[in-house]
N, C-alpha and C. Protein backbone atom coordinates (compact mmCIF):
# COMPACT_ATOMS: atom_id res chain seq x y z
N MET A 1 -48.71 -11.66 -25.33
CA MET A 1 -49.27 -11.87 -26.66
C MET A 1 -50.67 -11.92 -26.34
N SER A 2 -51.83 -11.28 -26.98
CA SER A 2 -53.27 -10.76 -26.87
C SER A 2 -53.77 -11.93 -27.69
N ASP A 3 -55.11 -12.08 -27.18
CA ASP A 3 -56.11 -13.45 -27.96
C ASP A 3 -56.02 -12.99 -29.31
N LYS A 4 -56.16 -14.35 -30.13
CA LYS A 4 -56.06 -13.99 -31.53
C LYS A 4 -57.21 -13.34 -32.15
N LYS A 5 -56.60 -12.84 -32.86
CA LYS A 5 -57.64 -11.67 -33.87
C LYS A 5 -57.69 -12.04 -35.03
N VAL A 6 -59.16 -11.48 -35.57
CA VAL A 6 -59.67 -12.45 -36.92
C VAL A 6 -59.14 -10.94 -37.77
N VAL A 7 -58.70 -11.52 -38.79
CA VAL A 7 -58.12 -10.38 -39.54
C VAL A 7 -58.39 -10.95 -41.05
N PHE A 8 -59.13 -9.62 -41.88
CA PHE A 8 -59.26 -9.82 -43.58
C PHE A 8 -57.74 -9.30 -43.96
N ILE A 9 -57.66 -10.35 -45.22
CA ILE A 9 -56.39 -9.92 -45.92
C ILE A 9 -56.69 -9.33 -47.10
N ALA A 10 -56.90 -7.92 -47.82
CA ALA A 10 -57.36 -7.67 -49.04
C ALA A 10 -55.95 -7.43 -49.71
N PHE A 11 -55.83 -8.41 -50.78
CA PHE A 11 -54.49 -8.40 -51.96
C PHE A 11 -55.12 -8.57 -53.35
N ALA A 12 -54.08 -8.28 -54.13
CA ALA A 12 -54.36 -8.14 -55.36
C ALA A 12 -54.04 -10.42 -55.76
N LYS A 13 -54.62 -10.37 -57.02
CA LYS A 13 -54.78 -11.82 -56.93
C LYS A 13 -53.03 -12.22 -57.43
N GLU A 14 -52.74 -11.07 -58.47
CA GLU A 14 -50.97 -11.24 -58.72
C GLU A 14 -50.42 -11.12 -57.69
N ASP A 15 -50.66 -10.80 -56.61
CA ASP A 15 -49.67 -11.01 -55.01
C ASP A 15 -50.18 -12.23 -54.11
N GLU A 16 -50.55 -13.34 -54.59
CA GLU A 16 -50.67 -14.18 -53.87
C GLU A 16 -50.03 -14.86 -53.10
N SER A 17 -48.81 -14.96 -53.58
CA SER A 17 -47.55 -15.66 -53.31
C SER A 17 -47.00 -14.98 -52.24
N THR A 18 -47.44 -13.43 -51.86
CA THR A 18 -46.88 -12.79 -50.79
C THR A 18 -47.67 -12.86 -50.36
N ARG A 19 -49.08 -12.80 -50.23
CA ARG A 19 -50.33 -13.00 -48.98
C ARG A 19 -49.72 -14.22 -48.34
N ASN A 20 -49.93 -15.22 -49.10
CA ASN A 20 -49.39 -16.63 -48.45
C ASN A 20 -48.08 -16.55 -47.52
N LEU A 21 -46.92 -15.84 -47.93
CA LEU A 21 -45.81 -15.70 -47.02
C LEU A 21 -46.14 -14.80 -45.74
N PHE A 22 -46.85 -13.70 -46.03
CA PHE A 22 -47.50 -12.64 -45.16
C PHE A 22 -48.28 -13.65 -44.18
N THR A 23 -49.32 -14.35 -44.48
CA THR A 23 -50.44 -15.20 -43.59
C THR A 23 -49.58 -16.59 -42.97
N GLY A 24 -48.75 -16.65 -43.62
CA GLY A 24 -47.63 -17.99 -43.07
C GLY A 24 -46.83 -17.51 -41.94
N GLN A 25 -46.48 -16.28 -41.82
CA GLN A 25 -45.34 -15.98 -40.74
C GLN A 25 -46.25 -16.15 -39.74
N ARG A 26 -47.73 -16.07 -39.38
CA ARG A 26 -48.28 -16.21 -38.11
C ARG A 26 -48.01 -17.43 -37.69
N VAL A 27 -47.72 -18.40 -38.04
CA VAL A 27 -47.02 -19.66 -37.29
C VAL A 27 -45.70 -19.69 -36.87
N HIS A 28 -45.10 -18.83 -37.18
CA HIS A 28 -43.61 -18.92 -36.85
C HIS A 28 -43.40 -18.59 -35.33
N PRO A 29 -42.65 -19.38 -34.63
CA PRO A 29 -42.78 -19.13 -33.25
C PRO A 29 -42.30 -17.88 -32.87
N ASP A 30 -41.38 -16.98 -33.51
CA ASP A 30 -40.77 -15.75 -33.16
C ASP A 30 -42.14 -14.73 -33.28
N THR A 31 -43.13 -15.11 -34.42
CA THR A 31 -43.76 -14.14 -34.77
C THR A 31 -44.41 -13.20 -33.33
N PRO A 32 -44.41 -12.05 -32.90
CA PRO A 32 -45.34 -11.45 -32.11
C PRO A 32 -46.93 -11.32 -31.98
N PHE A 33 -47.52 -11.96 -33.14
CA PHE A 33 -49.03 -11.80 -33.32
C PHE A 33 -49.66 -12.92 -33.61
N GLU A 34 -51.06 -12.87 -33.38
CA GLU A 34 -51.68 -14.13 -34.18
C GLU A 34 -52.65 -13.66 -34.88
N PHE A 35 -53.27 -14.33 -35.70
CA PHE A 35 -54.49 -13.69 -36.42
C PHE A 35 -55.25 -14.93 -37.45
N THR A 36 -56.19 -14.88 -37.58
CA THR A 36 -57.22 -16.10 -38.57
C THR A 36 -57.15 -15.45 -39.75
N ASP A 37 -56.71 -15.76 -40.96
CA ASP A 37 -56.61 -14.95 -42.20
C ASP A 37 -58.27 -15.29 -42.52
N MET A 38 -58.82 -14.06 -42.95
CA MET A 38 -60.36 -14.23 -43.45
C MET A 38 -60.17 -13.72 -45.03
N SER A 39 -59.28 -14.31 -45.53
CA SER A 39 -59.15 -14.14 -47.11
C SER A 39 -60.09 -14.57 -47.82
N VAL A 40 -60.65 -14.32 -49.10
CA VAL A 40 -61.50 -14.74 -50.16
C VAL A 40 -60.90 -15.46 -51.08
N LYS A 41 -60.57 -16.49 -51.37
CA LYS A 41 -59.62 -16.90 -52.76
C LYS A 41 -60.33 -16.98 -53.96
N ASP A 42 -61.48 -16.93 -53.82
CA ASP A 42 -62.13 -16.89 -54.93
C ASP A 42 -63.05 -15.81 -55.55
N PRO A 43 -62.32 -14.83 -56.10
CA PRO A 43 -63.19 -13.71 -55.99
C PRO A 43 -64.08 -12.93 -57.17
N TYR A 44 -63.84 -14.00 -57.94
CA TYR A 44 -65.04 -13.62 -59.37
C TYR A 44 -66.44 -15.07 -59.45
N ASP A 45 -66.68 -15.42 -58.12
CA ASP A 45 -67.92 -16.18 -57.99
C ASP A 45 -69.25 -15.26 -58.05
N SER A 46 -70.37 -15.54 -58.26
CA SER A 46 -71.17 -14.52 -57.83
C SER A 46 -71.88 -14.03 -56.87
N GLU A 47 -71.19 -14.45 -55.67
CA GLU A 47 -71.85 -14.68 -54.67
C GLU A 47 -70.11 -13.73 -53.95
N TRP A 48 -69.33 -13.44 -54.62
CA TRP A 48 -67.87 -12.93 -54.15
C TRP A 48 -68.32 -11.40 -53.14
N LYS A 49 -68.68 -10.26 -53.43
CA LYS A 49 -69.07 -9.50 -52.50
C LYS A 49 -69.72 -9.60 -51.39
N GLU A 50 -70.49 -10.36 -51.62
CA GLU A 50 -71.99 -11.24 -50.40
C GLU A 50 -70.70 -11.84 -49.42
N ARG A 51 -70.03 -12.54 -49.96
CA ARG A 51 -68.85 -13.15 -48.62
C ARG A 51 -68.23 -12.49 -48.56
N VAL A 52 -67.36 -11.46 -49.43
CA VAL A 52 -66.58 -10.64 -48.59
C VAL A 52 -67.52 -9.50 -47.11
N ARG A 53 -68.35 -9.16 -47.42
CA ARG A 53 -68.60 -8.19 -46.82
C ARG A 53 -68.86 -8.95 -45.27
N THR A 54 -69.48 -10.38 -46.04
CA THR A 54 -70.00 -11.13 -44.69
C THR A 54 -68.62 -11.16 -43.89
N ARG A 55 -67.47 -11.47 -44.52
CA ARG A 55 -66.08 -11.91 -43.78
C ARG A 55 -65.43 -10.81 -43.22
N VAL A 56 -65.70 -9.20 -43.70
CA VAL A 56 -65.03 -8.15 -43.38
C VAL A 56 -66.16 -7.81 -41.90
N LYS A 57 -67.29 -7.70 -41.79
CA LYS A 57 -68.03 -7.82 -41.04
C LYS A 57 -67.62 -8.46 -39.64
N ARG A 58 -67.19 -9.90 -39.92
CA ARG A 58 -66.58 -10.81 -38.62
C ARG A 58 -65.63 -10.46 -38.51
N SER A 59 -64.73 -9.53 -39.20
CA SER A 59 -63.06 -9.43 -38.90
C SER A 59 -63.27 -8.48 -37.52
N ASP A 60 -62.36 -8.42 -36.98
CA ASP A 60 -61.26 -7.51 -36.12
C ASP A 60 -60.66 -6.20 -37.06
N GLY A 61 -60.10 -6.63 -37.92
CA GLY A 61 -59.62 -5.38 -38.79
C GLY A 61 -59.37 -5.99 -40.16
N VAL A 62 -58.67 -5.33 -41.03
CA VAL A 62 -58.19 -5.40 -42.30
C VAL A 62 -57.19 -4.87 -42.65
N ILE A 63 -56.20 -5.66 -43.40
CA ILE A 63 -54.81 -5.48 -43.87
C ILE A 63 -54.90 -5.39 -45.63
N ALA A 64 -54.23 -4.27 -45.80
CA ALA A 64 -54.51 -4.71 -47.28
C ALA A 64 -52.92 -4.23 -47.75
N LEU A 65 -52.87 -5.46 -48.93
CA LEU A 65 -51.37 -5.91 -49.13
C LEU A 65 -51.23 -4.84 -50.18
N ILE A 66 -50.36 -3.84 -49.93
CA ILE A 66 -50.23 -2.67 -51.11
C ILE A 66 -48.84 -2.90 -51.69
N SER A 67 -49.07 -3.04 -53.59
CA SER A 67 -48.00 -3.37 -54.57
C SER A 67 -48.74 -2.10 -55.50
N SER A 68 -47.34 -2.52 -56.66
CA SER A 68 -47.92 -1.76 -57.83
C SER A 68 -48.98 -2.62 -58.59
N ASN A 69 -49.56 -3.65 -58.29
CA ASN A 69 -50.68 -4.49 -58.93
C ASN A 69 -51.85 -4.02 -58.14
N THR A 70 -52.03 -3.30 -57.23
CA THR A 70 -53.49 -2.86 -56.49
C THR A 70 -53.84 -1.61 -57.32
N PRO A 71 -53.20 -0.92 -57.98
CA PRO A 71 -54.22 0.75 -58.60
C PRO A 71 -55.34 -0.48 -59.62
N SER A 72 -54.93 -1.96 -60.18
CA SER A 72 -55.85 -2.40 -61.17
C SER A 72 -56.49 -3.38 -60.57
N ALA A 73 -56.33 -3.68 -59.42
CA ALA A 73 -57.02 -4.85 -58.87
C ALA A 73 -58.35 -4.37 -58.37
N SER A 74 -59.35 -4.08 -59.42
CA SER A 74 -60.51 -3.75 -58.61
C SER A 74 -61.44 -4.79 -57.59
N GLY A 75 -61.07 -6.02 -57.39
CA GLY A 75 -61.47 -6.51 -56.27
C GLY A 75 -60.87 -6.29 -55.04
N GLN A 76 -59.47 -5.72 -54.99
CA GLN A 76 -58.51 -5.27 -53.90
C GLN A 76 -59.43 -4.42 -53.45
N ILE A 77 -59.28 -3.29 -54.18
CA ILE A 77 -60.02 -2.07 -54.40
C ILE A 77 -61.64 -1.99 -53.84
N TRP A 78 -62.24 -2.97 -54.32
CA TRP A 78 -63.67 -3.09 -53.34
C TRP A 78 -63.40 -3.40 -52.04
N GLU A 79 -62.68 -4.37 -51.94
CA GLU A 79 -62.50 -5.19 -50.39
C GLU A 79 -62.20 -4.05 -49.41
N ILE A 80 -61.24 -3.17 -49.75
CA ILE A 80 -60.69 -1.63 -49.39
C ILE A 80 -61.83 -1.12 -48.56
N GLU A 81 -62.75 -0.20 -49.94
CA GLU A 81 -63.84 0.07 -49.74
C GLU A 81 -65.08 -0.30 -48.66
N CYS A 82 -65.26 -1.58 -48.95
CA CYS A 82 -66.14 -2.27 -47.83
C CYS A 82 -65.75 -2.45 -46.44
N ALA A 83 -63.84 -2.38 -46.42
CA ALA A 83 -63.62 -2.14 -45.07
C ALA A 83 -63.59 -0.91 -44.78
N VAL A 84 -64.16 0.19 -45.40
CA VAL A 84 -63.76 1.48 -44.55
C VAL A 84 -65.46 1.58 -44.13
N GLU A 85 -66.60 1.36 -45.26
CA GLU A 85 -67.65 1.14 -45.27
C GLU A 85 -68.30 0.67 -44.12
N GLU A 86 -67.37 -0.62 -43.93
CA GLU A 86 -68.21 -1.29 -42.49
C GLU A 86 -67.43 -0.46 -41.47
N GLU A 87 -66.42 0.38 -41.39
CA GLU A 87 -65.67 1.13 -40.45
C GLU A 87 -64.59 0.08 -39.76
N LYS A 88 -63.99 -0.71 -40.16
CA LYS A 88 -63.42 -1.76 -39.62
C LYS A 88 -61.90 -0.94 -39.52
N PRO A 89 -60.95 -1.18 -38.59
CA PRO A 89 -60.40 -0.99 -38.46
C PRO A 89 -58.92 -1.39 -40.04
N LEU A 90 -58.24 -0.54 -40.51
CA LEU A 90 -57.53 -0.47 -41.52
C LEU A 90 -56.33 -0.48 -41.86
N LEU A 91 -55.18 -1.22 -41.98
CA LEU A 91 -53.82 -0.68 -42.25
C LEU A 91 -53.56 -1.51 -43.38
N GLY A 92 -52.66 -0.68 -44.08
CA GLY A 92 -52.22 -0.69 -45.71
C GLY A 92 -50.59 -1.17 -45.52
N ILE A 93 -50.28 -2.38 -45.70
CA ILE A 93 -48.62 -2.89 -45.51
C ILE A 93 -48.29 -2.85 -47.00
N TRP A 94 -46.96 -2.60 -47.08
CA TRP A 94 -46.29 -1.84 -48.70
C TRP A 94 -45.59 -3.50 -48.71
N ILE A 95 -45.79 -4.09 -50.11
CA ILE A 95 -44.96 -5.54 -50.11
C ILE A 95 -44.40 -4.99 -51.00
N GLU A 96 -43.89 -4.15 -51.49
CA GLU A 96 -42.91 -3.89 -52.75
C GLU A 96 -42.20 -2.73 -52.11
N ASP A 97 -40.37 -2.53 -52.11
CA ASP A 97 -39.90 -1.79 -52.00
C ASP A 97 -39.94 -0.40 -52.59
N SER A 98 -39.93 -0.51 -53.72
CA SER A 98 -40.26 0.48 -54.67
C SER A 98 -41.57 1.14 -55.09
N TYR A 99 -42.61 0.31 -54.18
CA TYR A 99 -43.90 1.21 -54.11
C TYR A 99 -44.42 1.38 -53.28
N ARG A 100 -44.69 3.14 -53.40
CA ARG A 100 -45.22 3.41 -52.12
C ARG A 100 -46.49 4.39 -52.56
N THR A 101 -47.61 4.09 -53.23
CA THR A 101 -48.45 4.85 -53.16
C THR A 101 -50.08 4.14 -52.72
N LYS A 102 -50.30 5.04 -51.91
CA LYS A 102 -51.25 4.82 -51.01
C LYS A 102 -52.58 4.75 -51.80
N PRO A 103 -53.67 3.56 -51.65
CA PRO A 103 -54.81 3.89 -52.59
C PRO A 103 -55.70 4.94 -52.06
N SER A 104 -56.23 5.77 -52.91
CA SER A 104 -57.54 6.61 -52.24
C SER A 104 -58.62 6.00 -51.57
N ALA A 105 -58.65 4.71 -51.87
CA ALA A 105 -59.79 3.86 -51.09
C ALA A 105 -59.98 3.73 -49.69
N MET A 106 -58.13 3.84 -49.44
CA MET A 106 -57.94 4.20 -47.82
C MET A 106 -58.39 4.84 -47.19
N GLY A 107 -58.49 6.19 -47.83
CA GLY A 107 -58.90 7.16 -46.56
C GLY A 107 -58.00 7.61 -45.79
N ASP A 108 -58.38 8.05 -44.20
CA ASP A 108 -57.20 7.94 -43.70
C ASP A 108 -56.43 6.98 -42.90
N ALA A 109 -56.51 5.71 -43.20
CA ALA A 109 -56.03 4.60 -42.93
C ALA A 109 -54.33 4.69 -43.35
N PRO A 110 -53.95 4.47 -42.42
CA PRO A 110 -52.09 4.25 -42.56
C PRO A 110 -51.76 3.10 -43.61
N CYS A 111 -50.51 3.67 -44.20
CA CYS A 111 -49.93 2.42 -44.77
C CYS A 111 -48.61 2.16 -44.20
N LYS A 112 -47.86 1.42 -43.81
CA LYS A 112 -46.44 0.94 -43.28
C LYS A 112 -45.82 -0.09 -44.22
N VAL A 113 -44.45 -0.05 -43.57
CA VAL A 113 -43.79 -0.96 -44.18
C VAL A 113 -43.98 -2.24 -43.42
N TRP A 114 -43.55 -3.35 -44.13
CA TRP A 114 -44.14 -4.59 -43.51
C TRP A 114 -42.97 -5.15 -42.74
N THR A 115 -42.88 -4.84 -41.21
CA THR A 115 -42.64 -5.35 -40.36
C THR A 115 -43.18 -6.25 -39.08
N TRP A 116 -42.76 -6.79 -38.27
CA TRP A 116 -43.14 -7.69 -37.59
C TRP A 116 -43.63 -6.57 -36.72
N ASP A 117 -43.28 -5.85 -35.82
CA ASP A 117 -43.64 -4.57 -35.20
C ASP A 117 -44.93 -3.62 -35.65
N ASN A 118 -44.72 -3.62 -36.81
CA ASN A 118 -45.70 -2.72 -37.55
C ASN A 118 -47.15 -3.33 -37.46
N VAL A 119 -47.11 -4.84 -37.92
CA VAL A 119 -48.28 -5.57 -37.84
C VAL A 119 -48.67 -5.91 -36.86
N ALA A 120 -47.77 -6.38 -35.42
CA ALA A 120 -48.04 -6.49 -34.54
C ALA A 120 -48.66 -5.65 -33.75
N ALA A 121 -48.24 -4.50 -33.74
CA ALA A 121 -49.20 -3.08 -33.25
C ALA A 121 -50.73 -2.64 -33.64
N PHE A 122 -50.58 -3.34 -35.00
CA PHE A 122 -51.98 -2.80 -35.78
C PHE A 122 -52.51 -3.94 -35.17
N ILE A 123 -52.25 -5.29 -34.99
CA ILE A 123 -53.00 -6.47 -34.52
C ILE A 123 -53.65 -6.58 -33.07
N ASP A 124 -52.83 -6.27 -32.53
CA ASP A 124 -52.45 -5.80 -30.82
C ASP A 124 -53.70 -4.83 -30.55
N GLY A 125 -53.81 -3.67 -31.17
CA GLY A 125 -54.35 -2.72 -31.40
C GLY A 125 -56.03 -3.10 -31.68
N LEU A 126 -56.12 -3.85 -32.37
CA LEU A 126 -57.79 -4.16 -32.50
C LEU A 126 -58.36 -4.69 -31.03
C-alpha cells in the first residue's frame, strides 16, 4: 500500500451519512487504500470558501460523491469548481445506482462506480 494520501471529499449536505460511510471504509482492514479526509463539515459560516480552498490546496486530490442531490448542492459544486481551478486530480464517485449525471463543473474528470478498486486506483495514482 502506498503512503497515506490527503483527499478532500466534496459532497452534498444531504449525502453526509453516505460520506461518513465512504470515509469510514478507510479503516476497514481489507480496504486497499488509505487517505486523510479534508472535508469541511460546516459549509455555511463566513470563512467557508477560504477554508475549502486552503484544504483543497493541501490535498493530493479530490473525490466528489455524486448523487441526485449534487445538481442543487451549490456548496458541493463550488468545491468541485475549486478543485478544477487548483488543478487537483479529481474523481467523481456515483453513490446512487439510479443516478449517473456528471456535473459539468467536473470538466474532463471521470466519474466511476463506487468500488474499492476504483477508489484505490485513484488514490494510489496521486
